[in-house]
PDB file of N, CA and C in Angstrom:
ATOM      1  N   MET A   1      22.815  78.063 113.065  1.00  0.00           N
ATOM      2  CA  MET A   1      21.889  77.237 112.313  1.00  0.00           C
ATOM      3  C   MET A   1      21.694  77.769 110.899  1.00  0.00           C
ATOM      4  N   GLY A   2      21.809  79.089 110.707  1.00  0.00           N
ATOM      5  CA  GLY A   2      21.632  79.687 109.394  1.00  0.00           C
ATOM      6  C   GLY A   2      22.705  79.256 108.410  1.00  0.00           C
ATOM      7  N   TYR A   3      23.950  79.086 108.899  1.00  0.00           N
ATOM      8  CA  TYR A   3      25.057  78.686 108.037  1.00  0.00           C
ATOM      9  C   TYR A   3      24.822  77.284 107.487  1.00  0.00           C
ATOM     10  N   VAL A   4      24.363  76.372 108.339  1.00  0.00           N
ATOM     11  CA  VAL A   4      24.103  74.994 107.922  1.00  0.00           C
ATOM     12  C   VAL A   4      22.976  74.965 106.901  1.00  0.00           C
ATOM     13  N   ARG A   5      21.944  75.759 107.111  1.00  0.00           N
ATOM     14  CA  ARG A   5      20.819  75.811 106.182  1.00  0.00           C
ATOM     15  C   ARG A   5      21.278  76.358 104.826  1.00  0.00           C
ATOM     16  N   ALA A   6      22.100  77.409 104.830  1.00  0.00           N
ATOM     17  CA  ALA A   6      22.602  77.989 103.584  1.00  0.00           C
ATOM     18  C   ALA A   6      23.490  76.994 102.851  1.00  0.00           C
ATOM     19  N   LYS A   7      24.323  76.286 103.604  1.00  0.00           N
ATOM     20  CA  LYS A   7      25.212  75.301 102.999  1.00  0.00           C
ATOM     21  C   LYS A   7      24.403  74.155 102.382  1.00  0.00           C
ATOM     22  N   SER A   8      23.366  73.712 103.074  1.00  0.00           N
ATOM     23  CA  SER A   8      22.494  72.652 102.549  1.00  0.00           C
ATOM     24  C   SER A   8      21.789  73.110 101.278  1.00  0.00           C
ATOM     25  N   PHE A   9      21.309  74.355 101.299  1.00  0.00           N
ATOM     26  CA  PHE A   9      20.648  74.900 100.118  1.00  0.00           C
ATOM     27  C   PHE A   9      21.605  74.941  98.932  1.00  0.00           C
ATOM     28  N   LEU A  10      22.844  75.329  99.174  1.00  0.00           N
ATOM     29  CA  LEU A  10      23.848  75.392  98.109  1.00  0.00           C
ATOM     30  C   LEU A  10      24.081  74.003  97.509  1.00  0.00           C
ATOM     31  N   TYR A  11      24.208  72.992  98.372  1.00  0.00           N
ATOM     32  CA  TYR A  11      24.417  71.628  97.872  1.00  0.00           C
ATOM     33  C   TYR A  11      23.220  71.137  97.062  1.00  0.00           C
ATOM     34  N   ILE A  12      22.034  71.427  97.529  1.00  0.00           N
ATOM     35  CA  ILE A  12      20.827  71.015  96.810  1.00  0.00           C
ATOM     36  C   ILE A  12      20.752  71.727  95.463  1.00  0.00           C
ATOM     37  N   PHE A  13      21.086  73.023  95.439  1.00  0.00           N
ATOM     38  CA  PHE A  13      21.071  73.790  94.190  1.00  0.00           C
ATOM     39  C   PHE A  13      22.075  73.221  93.192  1.00  0.00           C
ATOM     40  N   LEU A  14      23.286  72.944  93.658  1.00  0.00           N
ATOM     41  CA  LEU A  14      24.312  72.395  92.764  1.00  0.00           C
ATOM     42  C   LEU A  14      23.911  71.022  92.234  1.00  0.00           C
ATOM     43  N   LEU A  15      23.340  70.196  93.092  1.00  0.00           N
ATOM     44  CA  LEU A  15      22.889  68.879  92.655  1.00  0.00           C
ATOM     45  C   LEU A  15      21.788  69.000  91.600  1.00  0.00           C
ATOM     46  N   ALA A  16      20.820  69.882  91.840  1.00  0.00           N
ATOM     47  CA  ALA A  16      19.732  70.083  90.874  1.00  0.00           C
ATOM     48  C   ALA A  16      20.290  70.617  89.553  1.00  0.00           C
ATOM     49  N   PHE A  17      21.245  71.526  89.626  1.00  0.00           N
ATOM     50  CA  PHE A  17      21.845  72.088  88.417  1.00  0.00           C
ATOM     51  C   PHE A  17      22.504  70.978  87.602  1.00  0.00           C
ATOM     52  N   LEU A  18      23.283  70.131  88.258  1.00  0.00           N
ATOM     53  CA  LEU A  18      23.963  69.055  87.545  1.00  0.00           C
ATOM     54  C   LEU A  18      22.989  68.034  86.968  1.00  0.00           C
ATOM     55  N   VAL A  19      21.926  67.742  87.705  1.00  0.00           N
ATOM     56  CA  VAL A  19      20.948  66.769  87.231  1.00  0.00           C
ATOM     57  C   VAL A  19      20.200  67.291  86.012  1.00  0.00           C
ATOM     58  N   PHE A  20      19.774  68.552  86.049  1.00  0.00           N
ATOM     59  CA  PHE A  20      18.959  69.095  84.966  1.00  0.00           C
ATOM     60  C   PHE A  20      19.775  69.661  83.803  1.00  0.00           C
ATOM     61  N   TYR A  21      20.889  70.327  84.085  1.00  0.00           N
ATOM     62  CA  TYR A  21      21.646  70.988  83.037  1.00  0.00           C
ATOM     63  C   TYR A  21      22.890  70.231  82.604  1.00  0.00           C
ATOM     64  N   GLY A  22      23.333  69.274  83.377  1.00  0.00           N
ATOM     65  CA  GLY A  22      24.510  68.491  83.019  1.00  0.00           C
ATOM     66  C   GLY A  22      24.385  67.808  81.668  1.00  0.00           C
ATOM     67  N   PRO A  23      23.280  67.082  81.419  1.00  0.00           N
ATOM     68  CA  PRO A  23      23.123  66.439  80.106  1.00  0.00           C
ATOM     69  C   PRO A  23      23.083  67.445  78.950  1.00  0.00           C
ATOM     70  N   LEU A  24      22.500  68.611  79.186  1.00  0.00           N
ATOM     71  CA  LEU A  24      22.461  69.627  78.127  1.00  0.00           C
ATOM     72  C   LEU A  24      23.857  70.141  77.813  1.00  0.00           C
ATOM     73  N   LEU A  25      24.650  70.358  78.857  1.00  0.00           N
ATOM     74  CA  LEU A  25      26.020  70.828  78.641  1.00  0.00           C
ATOM     75  C   LEU A  25      26.848  69.776  77.910  1.00  0.00           C
ATOM     76  N   LYS A  26      26.642  68.527  78.237  1.00  0.00           N
ATOM     77  CA  LYS A  26      27.368  67.442  77.577  1.00  0.00           C
ATOM     78  C   LYS A  26      26.966  67.338  76.104  1.00  0.00           C
ATOM     79  N   ALA A  27      25.677  67.512  75.806  1.00  0.00           N
ATOM     80  CA  ALA A  27      25.203  67.468  74.423  1.00  0.00           C
ATOM     81  C   ALA A  27      25.787  68.622  73.626  1.00  0.00           C
ATOM     82  N   ALA A  28      25.857  69.800  74.217  1.00  0.00           N
ATOM     83  CA  ALA A  28      26.426  70.959  73.531  1.00  0.00           C
ATOM     84  C   ALA A  28      27.906  70.735  73.258  1.00  0.00           C
ATOM     85  N   GLU A  29      28.591  70.096  74.174  1.00  0.00           N
ATOM     86  CA  GLU A  29      30.010  69.807  73.993  1.00  0.00           C
ATOM     87  C   GLU A  29      30.222  68.865  72.820  1.00  0.00           C
ATOM     88  N   LYS A  30      29.344  67.870  72.684  1.00  0.00           N
ATOM     89  CA  LYS A  30      29.467  66.910  71.583  1.00  0.00           C
ATOM     90  C   LYS A  30      29.242  67.569  70.234  1.00  0.00           C
ATOM     91  N   THR A  31      28.306  68.528  70.150  1.00  0.00           N
ATOM     92  CA  THR A  31      28.024  69.155  68.867  1.00  0.00           C
ATOM     93  C   THR A  31      29.119  70.126  68.450  1.00  0.00           C
ATOM     94  N   THR A  32      29.889  70.663  69.409  1.00  0.00           N
ATOM     95  CA  THR A  32      30.929  71.616  69.055  1.00  0.00           C
ATOM     96  C   THR A  32      32.245  70.932  68.702  1.00  0.00           C
ATOM     97  N   LYS A  33      32.391  69.668  69.052  1.00  0.00           N
ATOM     98  CA  LYS A  33      33.611  68.954  68.698  1.00  0.00           C
ATOM     99  C   LYS A  33      33.657  68.741  67.186  1.00  0.00           C
ATOM    100  N   SER A  34      34.835  68.909  66.635  1.00  0.00           N
ATOM    101  CA  SER A  34      34.995  68.755  65.195  1.00  0.00           C
ATOM    102  C   SER A  34      34.877  67.287  64.809  1.00  0.00           C
ATOM    103  N   LYS A  35      34.015  67.019  63.850  1.00  0.00           N
ATOM    104  CA  LYS A  35      33.867  65.670  63.331  1.00  0.00           C
ATOM    105  C   LYS A  35      34.560  65.610  61.986  1.00  0.00           C
ATOM    106  N   GLU A  36      34.740  64.419  61.498  1.00  0.00           N
ATOM    107  CA  GLU A  36      35.368  64.255  60.202  1.00  0.00           C
ATOM    108  C   GLU A  36      34.452  64.814  59.129  1.00  0.00           C
ATOM    109  N   GLY A  37      35.019  65.579  58.215  1.00  0.00           N
ATOM    110  CA  GLY A  37      34.238  66.177  57.138  1.00  0.00           C
ATOM    111  C   GLY A  37      34.560  67.645  57.000  1.00  0.00           C
ATOM    112  N   PRO A  38      33.904  68.323  56.057  1.00  0.00           N
ATOM    113  CA  PRO A  38      34.151  69.754  55.871  1.00  0.00           C
ATOM    114  C   PRO A  38      33.550  70.579  57.008  1.00  0.00           C
ATOM    115  N   SER A  39      34.142  71.739  57.257  1.00  0.00           N
ATOM    116  CA  SER A  39      33.643  72.649  58.288  1.00  0.00           C
ATOM    117  C   SER A  39      33.836  74.080  57.801  1.00  0.00           C
ATOM    118  N   LEU A  40      32.743  74.702  57.357  1.00  0.00           N
ATOM    119  CA  LEU A  40      32.801  76.051  56.803  1.00  0.00           C
ATOM    120  C   LEU A  40      32.895  77.078  57.926  1.00  0.00           C
ATOM    121  N   VAL A  41      33.868  77.983  57.831  1.00  0.00           N
ATOM    122  CA  VAL A  41      34.047  79.043  58.819  1.00  0.00           C
ATOM    123  C   VAL A  41      34.121  80.370  58.077  1.00  0.00           C
ATOM    124  N   VAL A  42      33.260  81.318  58.488  1.00  0.00           N
ATOM    125  CA  VAL A  42      33.260  82.658  57.912  1.00  0.00           C
ATOM    126  C   VAL A  42      33.499  83.635  59.052  1.00  0.00           C
ATOM    127  N   ALA A  43      34.629  84.345  59.013  1.00  0.00           N
ATOM    128  CA  ALA A  43      34.976  85.250  60.101  1.00  0.00           C
ATOM    129  C   ALA A  43      33.963  86.375  60.252  1.00  0.00           C
ATOM    130  N   GLN A  44      33.495  86.944  59.141  1.00  0.00           N
ATOM    131  CA  GLN A  44      32.507  88.025  59.164  1.00  0.00           C
ATOM    132  C   GLN A  44      31.353  87.614  58.246  1.00  0.00           C
ATOM    133  N   PRO A  45      30.315  86.936  58.786  1.00  0.00           N
ATOM    134  CA  PRO A  45      29.261  86.378  57.938  1.00  0.00           C
ATOM    135  C   PRO A  45      28.250  87.394  57.411  1.00  0.00           C
ATOM    136  N   THR A  46      28.264  88.628  57.896  1.00  0.00           N
ATOM    137  CA  THR A  46      27.322  89.638  57.409  1.00  0.00           C
ATOM    138  C   THR A  46      28.071  90.870  56.928  1.00  0.00           C
ATOM    139  N   PHE A  47      27.398  91.634  56.073  1.00  0.00           N
ATOM    140  CA  PHE A  47      27.965  92.869  55.549  1.00  0.00           C
ATOM    141  C   PHE A  47      26.854  93.893  55.451  1.00  0.00           C
ATOM    142  N   GLU A  48      27.067  95.059  56.024  1.00  0.00           N
ATOM    143  CA  GLU A  48      26.077  96.135  55.982  1.00  0.00           C
ATOM    144  C   GLU A  48      26.565  97.172  54.981  1.00  0.00           C
ATOM    145  N   ALA A  49      25.847  97.311  53.866  1.00  0.00           N
ATOM    146  CA  ALA A  49      26.252  98.230  52.803  1.00  0.00           C
ATOM    147  C   ALA A  49      25.839  99.671  53.087  1.00  0.00           C
ATOM    148  N   GLY A  50      24.953  99.870  54.035  1.00  0.00           N
ATOM    149  CA  GLY A  50      24.473 101.219  54.316  1.00  0.00           C
ATOM    150  C   GLY A  50      23.471 101.659  53.259  1.00  0.00           C
ATOM    151  N   LYS A  51      23.351 102.975  53.066  1.00  0.00           N
ATOM    152  CA  LYS A  51      22.414 103.481  52.059  1.00  0.00           C
ATOM    153  C   LYS A  51      23.021 103.303  50.668  1.00  0.00           C
ATOM    154  N   VAL A  52      22.208 102.762  49.764  1.00  0.00           N
ATOM    155  CA  VAL A  52      22.670 102.495  48.405  1.00  0.00           C
ATOM    156  C   VAL A  52      21.676 103.121  47.437  1.00  0.00           C
ATOM    157  N   LEU A  53      22.194 103.851  46.476  1.00  0.00           N
ATOM    158  CA  LEU A  53      21.342 104.439  45.447  1.00  0.00           C
ATOM    159  C   LEU A  53      20.949 103.370  44.435  1.00  0.00           C
ATOM    160  N   GLU A  54      19.771 103.507  43.868  1.00  0.00           N
ATOM    161  CA  GLU A  54      19.295 102.548  42.887  1.00  0.00           C
ATOM    162  C   GLU A  54      20.261 102.484  41.712  1.00  0.00           C
ATOM    163  N   GLY A  55      20.625 101.271  41.333  1.00  0.00           N
ATOM    164  CA  GLY A  55      21.538 101.064  40.219  1.00  0.00           C
ATOM    165  C   GLY A  55      23.000 101.053  40.633  1.00  0.00           C
ATOM    166  N   GLU A  56      23.305 101.423  41.852  1.00  0.00           N
ATOM    167  CA  GLU A  56      24.686 101.450  42.326  1.00  0.00           C
ATOM    168  C   GLU A  56      25.186 100.026  42.571  1.00  0.00           C
ATOM    169  N   GLU A  57      26.388  99.732  42.145  1.00  0.00           N
ATOM    170  CA  GLU A  57      26.959  98.403  42.311  1.00  0.00           C
ATOM    171  C   GLU A  57      27.654  98.305  43.664  1.00  0.00           C
ATOM    172  N   ILE A  58      27.408  97.191  44.367  1.00  0.00           N
ATOM    173  CA  ILE A  58      28.030  96.946  45.661  1.00  0.00           C
ATOM    174  C   ILE A  58      28.936  95.731  45.518  1.00  0.00           C
ATOM    175  N   VAL A  59      30.158  95.866  45.998  1.00  0.00           N
ATOM    176  CA  VAL A  59      31.111  94.760  45.940  1.00  0.00           C
ATOM    177  C   VAL A  59      31.650  94.529  47.347  1.00  0.00           C
ATOM    178  N   HIS A  60      31.638  93.264  47.776  1.00  0.00           N
ATOM    179  CA  HIS A  60      32.199  92.889  49.070  1.00  0.00           C
ATOM    180  C   HIS A  60      32.752  91.471  48.964  1.00  0.00           C
ATOM    181  N   THR A  61      33.850  91.213  49.611  1.00  0.00           N
ATOM    182  CA  THR A  61      34.464  89.892  49.599  1.00  0.00           C
ATOM    183  C   THR A  61      34.280  89.232  50.961  1.00  0.00           C
ATOM    184  N   PHE A  62      33.693  88.040  50.952  1.00  0.00           N
ATOM    185  CA  PHE A  62      33.575  87.233  52.161  1.00  0.00           C
ATOM    186  C   PHE A  62      34.699  86.210  52.148  1.00  0.00           C
ATOM    187  N   ILE A  63      35.422  86.108  53.232  1.00  0.00           N
ATOM    188  CA  ILE A  63      36.511  85.141  53.324  1.00  0.00           C
ATOM    189  C   ILE A  63      35.964  83.874  53.973  1.00  0.00           C
ATOM    190  N   ILE A  64      36.036  82.783  53.225  1.00  0.00           N
ATOM    191  CA  ILE A  64      35.502  81.496  53.662  1.00  0.00           C
ATOM    192  C   ILE A  64      36.670  80.532  53.829  1.00  0.00           C
ATOM    193  N   GLN A  65      36.692  79.845  54.972  1.00  0.00           N
ATOM    194  CA  GLN A  65      37.749  78.866  55.229  1.00  0.00           C
ATOM    195  C   GLN A  65      37.128  77.508  55.498  1.00  0.00           C
ATOM    196  N   ASN A  66      37.829  76.480  55.092  1.00  0.00           N
ATOM    197  CA  ASN A  66      37.436  75.114  55.417  1.00  0.00           C
ATOM    198  C   ASN A  66      38.353  74.635  56.528  1.00  0.00           C
ATOM    199  N   LYS A  67      37.822  74.527  57.743  1.00  0.00           N
ATOM    200  CA  LYS A  67      38.608  74.075  58.889  1.00  0.00           C
ATOM    201  C   LYS A  67      38.403  72.575  59.141  1.00  0.00           C
ATOM    202  N   GLY A  68      37.735  71.890  58.220  1.00  0.00           N
ATOM    203  CA  GLY A  68      37.448  70.470  58.382  1.00  0.00           C
ATOM    204  C   GLY A  68      38.537  69.587  57.832  1.00  0.00           C
ATOM    205  N   THR A  69      38.246  68.306  57.821  1.00  0.00           N
ATOM    206  CA  THR A  69      39.222  67.314  57.380  1.00  0.00           C
ATOM    207  C   THR A  69      38.968  66.821  55.957  1.00  0.00           C
ATOM    208  N   LYS A  70      37.843  67.207  55.368  1.00  0.00           N
ATOM    209  CA  LYS A  70      37.504  66.806  53.990  1.00  0.00           C
ATOM    210  C   LYS A  70      37.317  68.051  53.142  1.00  0.00           C
ATOM    211  N   ASP A  71      37.254  67.864  51.818  1.00  0.00           N
ATOM    212  CA  ASP A  71      37.050  68.980  50.896  1.00  0.00           C
ATOM    213  C   ASP A  71      35.674  69.609  51.117  1.00  0.00           C
ATOM    214  N   LEU A  72      35.614  70.934  51.047  1.00  0.00           N
ATOM    215  CA  LEU A  72      34.359  71.671  51.152  1.00  0.00           C
ATOM    216  C   LEU A  72      33.930  72.041  49.743  1.00  0.00           C
ATOM    217  N   VAL A  73      32.713  71.628  49.352  1.00  0.00           N
ATOM    218  CA  VAL A  73      32.190  71.906  48.033  1.00  0.00           C
ATOM    219  C   VAL A  73      31.018  72.882  48.182  1.00  0.00           C
ATOM    220  N   ILE A  74      31.148  74.068  47.574  1.00  0.00           N
ATOM    221  CA  ILE A  74      30.072  75.060  47.593  1.00  0.00           C
ATOM    222  C   ILE A  74      29.366  74.946  46.269  1.00  0.00           C
ATOM    223  N   LYS A  75      28.103  74.506  46.289  1.00  0.00           N
ATOM    224  CA  LYS A  75      27.366  74.262  45.048  1.00  0.00           C
ATOM    225  C   LYS A  75      26.601  75.472  44.565  1.00  0.00           C
ATOM    226  N   SER A  76      26.198  76.368  45.460  1.00  0.00           N
ATOM    227  CA  SER A  76      25.499  77.577  45.038  1.00  0.00           C
ATOM    228  C   SER A  76      25.600  78.649  46.121  1.00  0.00           C
ATOM    229  N   VAL A  77      25.432  79.890  45.679  1.00  0.00           N
ATOM    230  CA  VAL A  77      25.463  81.045  46.564  1.00  0.00           C
ATOM    231  C   VAL A  77      24.313  81.938  46.197  1.00  0.00           C
ATOM    232  N   LYS A  78      23.567  82.417  47.205  1.00  0.00           N
ATOM    233  CA  LYS A  78      22.434  83.312  46.952  1.00  0.00           C
ATOM    234  C   LYS A  78      22.578  84.565  47.793  1.00  0.00           C
ATOM    235  N   PRO A  79      22.338  85.733  47.207  1.00  0.00           N
ATOM    236  CA  PRO A  79      22.396  86.964  48.009  1.00  0.00           C
ATOM    237  C   PRO A  79      21.218  87.018  48.973  1.00  0.00           C
ATOM    238  N   GLY A  80      21.425  87.702  50.107  1.00  0.00           N
ATOM    239  CA  GLY A  80      20.382  87.752  51.141  1.00  0.00           C
ATOM    240  C   GLY A  80      19.461  88.889  51.036  1.00  0.00           C
TER     241      GLY A  80
END
C-alpha cells in the first residue's frame, strides 16, 4: 500500500508543479528567445581594479558584441 501512496503523491506533485510553474517556465523561454533588433552581449561585464592610489589612471577594455539582427547604437557610457 505504501508504494501506491508514494506513486500517487509523485503524480500529484508533478501535476501541481506543471500547473503552477509551467506558465512561468514558458514565459522565461519567450523572453530568452532572440527577437528582431539589437542584442548587446558583454562577456565580462565587470572589472575589479583592486587598490588604486589617488590620481592613478586605470585603463580597461570591455569587449561588446552585437548578437542581434539590427544595428546597435550606444549613445552614452557612464563609469560605475
